[in-house]
Amino acid sequence: MPKRHHPYDAESERGWSIGSGNLTPTGQSELLKDLGRQLQQNYQPMLKEPAPDRIQHLLERLEQAQHQEDDEGL
């Protein structure tokens, strides 16, 4: 079966681009900062929501494991 390519595949020559290739390094930096600000603004409400119980339990287990490693390292 032939491999299917998504039209926005990064490996594609016609892949999606933000068009920053002609910008100066400062311009690219500003573009990325602006993109970051927009993403943060769009996803801020989601970030304020509590984590699902399953994720919260995993985080608690990770914290416990970290504390055990810290105690053993003394």
PDB file of N, CA and C in Angstrom:
ATOM      1  N   MET A   1       0.848  -1.171   0.000  1.00  0.00           N
ATOM      2  CA  MET A   1       0.000   0.000   0.000  1.00  0.00           C
ATOM      3  C   MET A   1       0.899   1.242   0.000  1.00  0.00           C
ATOM      4  N   PRO A   2       0.670   2.197  -0.870  1.00  0.00           N
ATOM      5  CA  PRO A   2       1.524   3.384  -0.928  1.00  0.00           C
ATOM      6  C   PRO A   2       1.328   4.252   0.311  1.00  0.00           C
ATOM      7  N   LYS A   3       2.397   4.930   0.687  1.00  0.00           N
ATOM      8  CA  LYS A   3       2.355   5.821   1.838  1.00  0.00           C
ATOM      9  C   LYS A   3       1.552   7.070   1.479  1.00  0.00           C
ATOM     10  N   ARG A   4       0.620   7.434   2.353  1.00  0.00           N
ATOM     11  CA  ARG A   4      -0.198   8.612   2.114  1.00  0.00           C
ATOM     12  C   ARG A   4       0.441   9.806   2.795  1.00  0.00           C
ATOM     13  N   HIS A   5       0.422  10.924   2.132  1.00  0.00           N
ATOM     14  CA  HIS A   5       1.001  12.141   2.685  1.00  0.00           C
ATOM     15  C   HIS A   5      -0.104  13.132   3.018  1.00  0.00           C
ATOM     16  N   HIS A   6       0.004  13.692   4.185  1.00  0.00           N
ATOM     17  CA  HIS A   6      -0.910  14.747   4.593  1.00  0.00           C
ATOM     18  C   HIS A   6      -0.481  16.025   3.875  1.00  0.00           C
ATOM     19  N   PRO A   7      -1.423  16.846   3.419  1.00  0.00           N
ATOM     20  CA  PRO A   7      -1.038  18.055   2.680  1.00  0.00           C
ATOM     21  C   PRO A   7      -0.189  19.021   3.495  1.00  0.00           C
ATOM     22  N   TYR A   8      -0.217  18.927   4.821  1.00  0.00           N
ATOM     23  CA  TYR A   8       0.570  19.818   5.657  1.00  0.00           C
ATOM     24  C   TYR A   8       1.720  19.091   6.333  1.00  0.00           C
ATOM     25  N   ASP A   9       2.104  17.943   5.805  1.00  0.00           N
ATOM     26  CA  ASP A   9       3.202  17.154   6.344  1.00  0.00           C
ATOM     27  C   ASP A   9       4.491  17.975   6.317  1.00  0.00           C
ATOM     28  N   ALA A  10       5.223  17.979   7.433  1.00  0.00           N
ATOM     29  CA  ALA A  10       6.456  18.765   7.533  1.00  0.00           C
ATOM     30  C   ALA A  10       7.501  18.311   6.517  1.00  0.00           C
ATOM     31  N   GLU A  11       7.443  17.063   6.118  1.00  0.00           N
ATOM     32  CA  GLU A  11       8.419  16.549   5.165  1.00  0.00           C
ATOM     33  C   GLU A  11       8.081  16.948   3.728  1.00  0.00           C
ATOM     34  N   SER A  12       6.885  17.414   3.527  1.00  0.00           N
ATOM     35  CA  SER A  12       6.448  17.795   2.188  1.00  0.00           C
ATOM     36  C   SER A  12       7.131  19.078   1.760  1.00  0.00           C
ATOM     37  N   GLU A  13       7.439  19.170   0.485  1.00  0.00           N
ATOM     38  CA  GLU A  13       8.045  20.395  -0.038  1.00  0.00           C
ATOM     39  C   GLU A  13       7.070  21.556   0.034  1.00  0.00           C
ATOM     40  N   ARG A  14       5.797  21.252   0.013  1.00  0.00           N
ATOM     41  CA  ARG A  14       4.777  22.291   0.077  1.00  0.00           C
ATOM     42  C   ARG A  14       4.179  22.378   1.466  1.00  0.00           C
ATOM     43  N   GLY A  15       4.954  22.032   2.495  1.00  0.00           N
ATOM     44  CA  GLY A  15       4.461  22.009   3.857  1.00  0.00           C
ATOM     45  C   GLY A  15       4.019  23.376   4.349  1.00  0.00           C
ATOM     46  N   TRP A  16       3.310  23.370   5.440  1.00  0.00           N
ATOM     47  CA  TRP A  16       2.793  24.587   6.038  1.00  0.00           C
ATOM     48  C   TRP A  16       3.940  25.435   6.545  1.00  0.00           C
ATOM     49  N   SER A  17       3.811  26.727   6.423  1.00  0.00           N
ATOM     50  CA  SER A  17       4.850  27.643   6.869  1.00  0.00           C
ATOM     51  C   SER A  17       4.213  28.915   7.383  1.00  0.00           C
ATOM     52  N   ILE A  18       4.882  29.561   8.333  1.00  0.00           N
ATOM     53  CA  ILE A  18       4.388  30.851   8.806  1.00  0.00           C
ATOM     54  C   ILE A  18       4.996  31.984   8.008  1.00  0.00           C
ATOM     55  N   GLY A  19       5.810  31.648   7.022  1.00  0.00           N
ATOM     56  CA  GLY A  19       6.372  32.659   6.142  1.00  0.00           C
ATOM     57  C   GLY A  19       7.423  33.526   6.793  1.00  0.00           C
ATOM     58  N   SER A  20       8.220  32.950   7.684  1.00  0.00           N
ATOM     59  CA  SER A  20       9.210  33.746   8.394  1.00  0.00           C
ATOM     60  C   SER A  20      10.589  33.673   7.762  1.00  0.00           C
ATOM     61  N   GLY A  21      10.723  33.001   6.625  1.00  0.00           N
ATOM     62  CA  GLY A  21      12.023  32.799   6.002  1.00  0.00           C
ATOM     63  C   GLY A  21      12.707  34.079   5.558  1.00  0.00           C
ATOM     64  N   ASN A  22      11.950  35.103   5.232  1.00  0.00           N
ATOM     65  CA  ASN A  22      12.529  36.351   4.749  1.00  0.00           C
ATOM     66  C   ASN A  22      12.699  37.392   5.848  1.00  0.00           C
ATOM     67  N   LEU A  23      12.386  37.027   7.107  1.00  0.00           N
ATOM     68  CA  LEU A  23      12.506  37.972   8.205  1.00  0.00           C
ATOM     69  C   LEU A  23      13.920  37.973   8.774  1.00  0.00           C
ATOM     70  N   THR A  24      14.285  39.077   9.376  1.00  0.00           N
ATOM     71  CA  THR A  24      15.561  39.152  10.088  1.00  0.00           C
ATOM     72  C   THR A  24      15.441  38.307  11.357  1.00  0.00           C
ATOM     73  N   PRO A  25      16.553  37.966  11.993  1.00  0.00           N
ATOM     74  CA  PRO A  25      16.455  37.225  13.263  1.00  0.00           C
ATOM     75  C   PRO A  25      15.585  37.941  14.298  1.00  0.00           C
ATOM     76  N   THR A  26      15.673  39.262  14.351  1.00  0.00           N
ATOM     77  CA  THR A  26      14.836  40.024  15.280  1.00  0.00           C
ATOM     78  C   THR A  26      13.370  39.895  14.888  1.00  0.00           C
ATOM     79  N   GLY A  27      13.095  39.980  13.603  1.00  0.00           N
ATOM     80  CA  GLY A  27      11.720  39.836  13.125  1.00  0.00           C
ATOM     81  C   GLY A  27      11.162  38.454  13.417  1.00  0.00           C
ATOM     82  N   GLN A  28      11.984  37.417  13.221  1.00  0.00           N
ATOM     83  CA  GLN A  28      11.558  36.053  13.535  1.00  0.00           C
ATOM     84  C   GLN A  28      11.265  35.921  15.020  1.00  0.00           C
ATOM     85  N   SER A  29      12.122  36.504  15.852  1.00  0.00           N
ATOM     86  CA  SER A  29      11.923  36.449  17.296  1.00  0.00           C
ATOM     87  C   SER A  29      10.608  37.117  17.687  1.00  0.00           C
ATOM     88  N   GLU A  30      10.355  38.290  17.123  1.00  0.00           N
ATOM     89  CA  GLU A  30       9.110  39.003  17.424  1.00  0.00           C
ATOM     90  C   GLU A  30       7.891  38.215  16.942  1.00  0.00           C
ATOM     91  N   LEU A  31       8.002  37.609  15.776  1.00  0.00           N
ATOM     92  CA  LEU A  31       6.904  36.801  15.247  1.00  0.00           C
ATOM     93  C   LEU A  31       6.600  35.635  16.189  1.00  0.00           C
ATOM     94  N   LEU A  32       7.633  34.951  16.652  1.00  0.00           N
ATOM     95  CA  LEU A  32       7.435  33.818  17.556  1.00  0.00           C
ATOM     96  C   LEU A  32       6.885  34.269  18.908  1.00  0.00           C
ATOM     97  N   LYS A  33       7.342  35.417  19.406  1.00  0.00           N
ATOM     98  CA  LYS A  33       6.805  35.946  20.667  1.00  0.00           C
ATOM     99  C   LYS A  33       5.321  36.254  20.518  1.00  0.00           C
ATOM    100  N   ASP A  34       4.955  36.864  19.396  1.00  0.00           N
ATOM    101  CA  ASP A  34       3.556  37.200  19.153  1.00  0.00           C
ATOM    102  C   ASP A  34       2.715  35.932  19.042  1.00  0.00           C
ATOM    103  N   LEU A  35       3.239  34.938  18.347  1.00  0.00           N
ATOM    104  CA  LEU A  35       2.539  33.660  18.234  1.00  0.00           C
ATOM    105  C   LEU A  35       2.337  33.045  19.612  1.00  0.00           C
ATOM    106  N   GLY A  36       3.368  33.076  20.435  1.00  0.00           N
ATOM    107  CA  GLY A  36       3.266  32.555  21.797  1.00  0.00           C
ATOM    108  C   GLY A  36       2.222  33.284  22.617  1.00  0.00           C
ATOM    109  N   ARG A  37       2.196  34.607  22.507  1.00  0.00           N
ATOM    110  CA  ARG A  37       1.193  35.405  23.234  1.00  0.00           C
ATOM    111  C   ARG A  37      -0.217  35.038  22.786  1.00  0.00           C
ATOM    112  N   GLN A  38      -0.408  34.876  21.472  1.00  0.00           N
ATOM    113  CA  GLN A  38      -1.732  34.525  20.964  1.00  0.00           C
ATOM    114  C   GLN A  38      -2.161  33.142  21.437  1.00  0.00           C
ATOM    115  N   LEU A  39      -1.244  32.186  21.407  1.00  0.00           N
ATOM    116  CA  LEU A  39      -1.576  30.841  21.881  1.00  0.00           C
ATOM    117  C   LEU A  39      -1.917  30.851  23.361  1.00  0.00           C
ATOM    118  N   GLN A  40      -1.121  31.580  24.145  1.00  0.00           N
ATOM    119  CA  GLN A  40      -1.383  31.657  25.578  1.00  0.00           C
ATOM    120  C   GLN A  40      -2.746  32.287  25.848  1.00  0.00           C
ATOM    121  N   GLN A  41      -3.069  33.347  25.116  1.00  0.00           N
ATOM    122  CA  GLN A  41      -4.354  34.012  25.285  1.00  0.00           C
ATOM    123  C   GLN A  41      -5.508  33.068  24.921  1.00  0.00           C
ATOM    124  N   ASN A  42      -5.356  32.317  23.843  1.00  0.00           N
ATOM    125  CA  ASN A  42      -6.418  31.414  23.406  1.00  0.00           C
ATOM    126  C   ASN A  42      -6.610  30.234  24.344  1.00  0.00           C
ATOM    127  N   TYR A  43      -5.528  29.743  24.950  1.00  0.00           N
ATOM    128  CA  TYR A  43      -5.623  28.550  25.777  1.00  0.00           C
ATOM    129  C   TYR A  43      -5.645  28.846  27.274  1.00  0.00           C
ATOM    130  N   GLN A  44      -5.582  30.113  27.681  1.00  0.00           N
ATOM    131  CA  GLN A  44      -5.567  30.467  29.090  1.00  0.00           C
ATOM    132  C   GLN A  44      -6.753  29.898  29.862  1.00  0.00           C
ATOM    133  N   PRO A  45      -7.979  29.993  29.345  1.00  0.00           N
ATOM    134  CA  PRO A  45      -9.098  29.415  30.099  1.00  0.00           C
ATOM    135  C   PRO A  45      -8.921  27.911  30.350  1.00  0.00           C
ATOM    136  N   MET A  46      -8.392  27.207  29.381  1.00  0.00           N
ATOM    137  CA  MET A  46      -8.183  25.772  29.538  1.00  0.00           C
ATOM    138  C   MET A  46      -7.120  25.489  30.604  1.00  0.00           C
ATOM    139  N   LEU A  47      -6.095  26.337  30.665  1.00  0.00           N
ATOM    140  CA  LEU A  47      -5.025  26.134  31.636  1.00  0.00           C
ATOM    141  C   LEU A  47      -5.488  26.370  33.063  1.00  0.00           C
ATOM    142  N   LYS A  48      -6.559  27.130  33.229  1.00  0.00           N
ATOM    143  CA  LYS A  48      -7.092  27.403  34.563  1.00  0.00           C
ATOM    144  C   LYS A  48      -7.975  26.275  35.084  1.00  0.00           C
ATOM    145  N   GLU A  49      -8.406  25.379  34.197  1.00  0.00           N
ATOM    146  CA  GLU A  49      -9.249  24.259  34.605  1.00  0.00           C
ATOM    147  C   GLU A  49      -8.424  23.264  35.409  1.00  0.00           C
ATOM    148  N   PRO A  50      -9.043  22.621  36.394  1.00  0.00           N
ATOM    149  CA  PRO A  50      -8.296  21.610  37.154  1.00  0.00           C
ATOM    150  C   PRO A  50      -7.968  20.402  36.269  1.00  0.00           C
ATOM    151  N   ALA A  51      -6.864  19.762  36.593  1.00  0.00           N
ATOM    152  CA  ALA A  51      -6.457  18.574  35.839  1.00  0.00           C
ATOM    153  C   ALA A  51      -7.437  17.437  36.126  1.00  0.00           C
ATOM    154  N   PRO A  52      -7.682  16.571  35.144  1.00  0.00           N
ATOM    155  CA  PRO A  52      -8.542  15.408  35.394  1.00  0.00           C
ATOM    156  C   PRO A  52      -7.948  14.550  36.520  1.00  0.00           C
ATOM    157  N   ASP A  53      -8.815  13.827  37.225  1.00  0.00           N
ATOM    158  CA  ASP A  53      -8.384  13.008  38.362  1.00  0.00           C
ATOM    159  C   ASP A  53      -7.245  12.069  37.989  1.00  0.00           C
ATOM    160  N   ARG A  54      -7.328  11.451  36.835  1.00  0.00           N
ATOM    161  CA  ARG A  54      -6.301  10.497  36.404  1.00  0.00           C
ATOM    162  C   ARG A  54      -4.935  11.181  36.305  1.00  0.00           C
ATOM    163  N   ILE A  55      -4.910  12.370  35.746  1.00  0.00           N
ATOM    164  CA  ILE A  55      -3.668  13.119  35.608  1.00  0.00           C
ATOM    165  C   ILE A  55      -3.176  13.566  36.981  1.00  0.00           C
ATOM    166  N   GLN A  56      -4.088  14.006  37.840  1.00  0.00           N
ATOM    167  CA  GLN A  56      -3.716  14.441  39.185  1.00  0.00           C
ATOM    168  C   GLN A  56      -3.084  13.294  39.968  1.00  0.00           C
ATOM    169  N   HIS A  57      -3.627  12.092  39.839  1.00  0.00           N
ATOM    170  CA  HIS A  57      -3.049  10.928  40.529  1.00  0.00           C
ATOM    171  C   HIS A  57      -1.651  10.622  40.002  1.00  0.00           C
ATOM    172  N   LEU A  58      -1.463  10.722  38.695  1.00  0.00           N
ATOM    173  CA  LEU A  58      -0.134  10.500  38.122  1.00  0.00           C
ATOM    174  C   LEU A  58       0.871  11.534  38.634  1.00  0.00           C
ATOM    175  N   LEU A  59       0.445  12.789  38.721  1.00  0.00           N
ATOM    176  CA  LEU A  59       1.325  13.836  39.234  1.00  0.00           C
ATOM    177  C   LEU A  59       1.701  13.584  40.692  1.00  0.00           C
ATOM    178  N   GLU A  60       0.740  13.131  41.479  1.00  0.00           N
ATOM    179  CA  GLU A  60       1.018  12.814  42.881  1.00  0.00           C
ATOM    180  C   GLU A  60       2.029  11.670  42.994  1.00  0.00           C
ATOM    181  N   ARG A  61       1.880  10.657  42.154  1.00  0.00           N
ATOM    182  CA  ARG A  61       2.834   9.537  42.169  1.00  0.00           C
ATOM    183  C   ARG A  61       4.234  10.004  41.771  1.00  0.00           C
ATOM    184  N   LEU A  62       4.318  10.889  40.792  1.00  0.00           N
ATOM    185  CA  LEU A  62       5.615  11.429  40.386  1.00  0.00           C
ATOM    186  C   LEU A  62       6.262  12.222  41.524  1.00  0.00           C
ATOM    187  N   GLU A  63       5.464  13.024  42.222  1.00  0.00           N
ATOM    188  CA  GLU A  63       5.993  13.791  43.349  1.00  0.00           C
ATOM    189  C   GLU A  63       6.491  12.861  44.452  1.00  0.00           C
ATOM    190  N   GLN A  64       5.739  11.801  44.749  1.00  0.00           N
ATOM    191  CA  GLN A  64       6.156  10.844  45.770  1.00  0.00           C
ATOM    192  C   GLN A  64       7.458  10.166  45.373  1.00  0.00           C
ATOM    193  N   ALA A  65       7.564   9.776  44.104  1.00  0.00           N
ATOM    194  CA  ALA A  65       8.785   9.128  43.629  1.00  0.00           C
ATOM    195  C   ALA A  65       9.962  10.091  43.727  1.00  0.00           C
ATOM    196  N   GLN A  66       9.751  11.364  43.414  1.00  0.00           N
ATOM    197  CA  GLN A  66      10.818  12.364  43.500  1.00  0.00           C
ATOM    198  C   GLN A  66      11.261  12.548  44.944  1.00  0.00           C
ATOM    199  N   HIS A  67      10.301  12.590  45.874  1.00  0.00           N
ATOM    200  CA  HIS A  67      10.648  12.730  47.291  1.00  0.00           C
ATOM    201  C   HIS A  67      11.459  11.526  47.774  1.00  0.00           C
ATOM    202  N   GLN A  68      11.089  10.340  47.322  1.00  0.00           N
ATOM    203  CA  GLN A  68      11.827   9.127  47.716  1.00  0.00           C
ATOM    204  C   GLN A  68      13.250   9.178  47.185  1.00  0.00           C
ATOM    205  N   GLU A  69      13.424   9.615  45.933  1.00  0.00           N
ATOM    206  CA  GLU A  69      14.759   9.746  45.362  1.00  0.00           C
ATOM    207  C   GLU A  69      15.575  10.777  46.117  1.00  0.00           C
ATOM    208  N   ASP A  70      14.948  11.888  46.484  1.00  0.00           N
ATOM    209  CA  ASP A  70      15.655  12.927  47.236  1.00  0.00           C
ATOM    210  C   ASP A  70      16.083  12.411  48.601  1.00  0.00           C
ATOM    211  N   ASP A  71      15.193  11.648  49.269  1.00  0.00           N
ATOM    212  CA  ASP A  71      15.516  11.106  50.593  1.00  0.00           C
ATOM    213  C   ASP A  71      16.637  10.074  50.519  1.00  0.00           C
ATOM    214  N   GLU A  72      16.652   9.274  49.455  1.00  0.00           N
ATOM    215  CA  GLU A  72      17.691   8.258  49.293  1.00  0.00           C
ATOM    216  C   GLU A  72      19.040   8.895  48.941  1.00  0.00           C
ATOM    217  N   GLY A  73      19.022  10.056  48.349  1.00  0.00           N
ATOM    218  CA  GLY A  73      20.243  10.721  47.918  1.00  0.00           C
ATOM    219  C   GLY A  73      20.964  11.435  49.059  1.00  0.00           C
ATOM    220  N   LEU A  74      20.346  11.533  50.215  1.00  0.00           N
ATOM    221  CA  LEU A  74      20.976  12.228  51.349  1.00  0.00           C
ATOM    222  C   LEU A  74      22.114  11.511  51.894  1.00  0.00           C
TER     223      LEU A  74
END
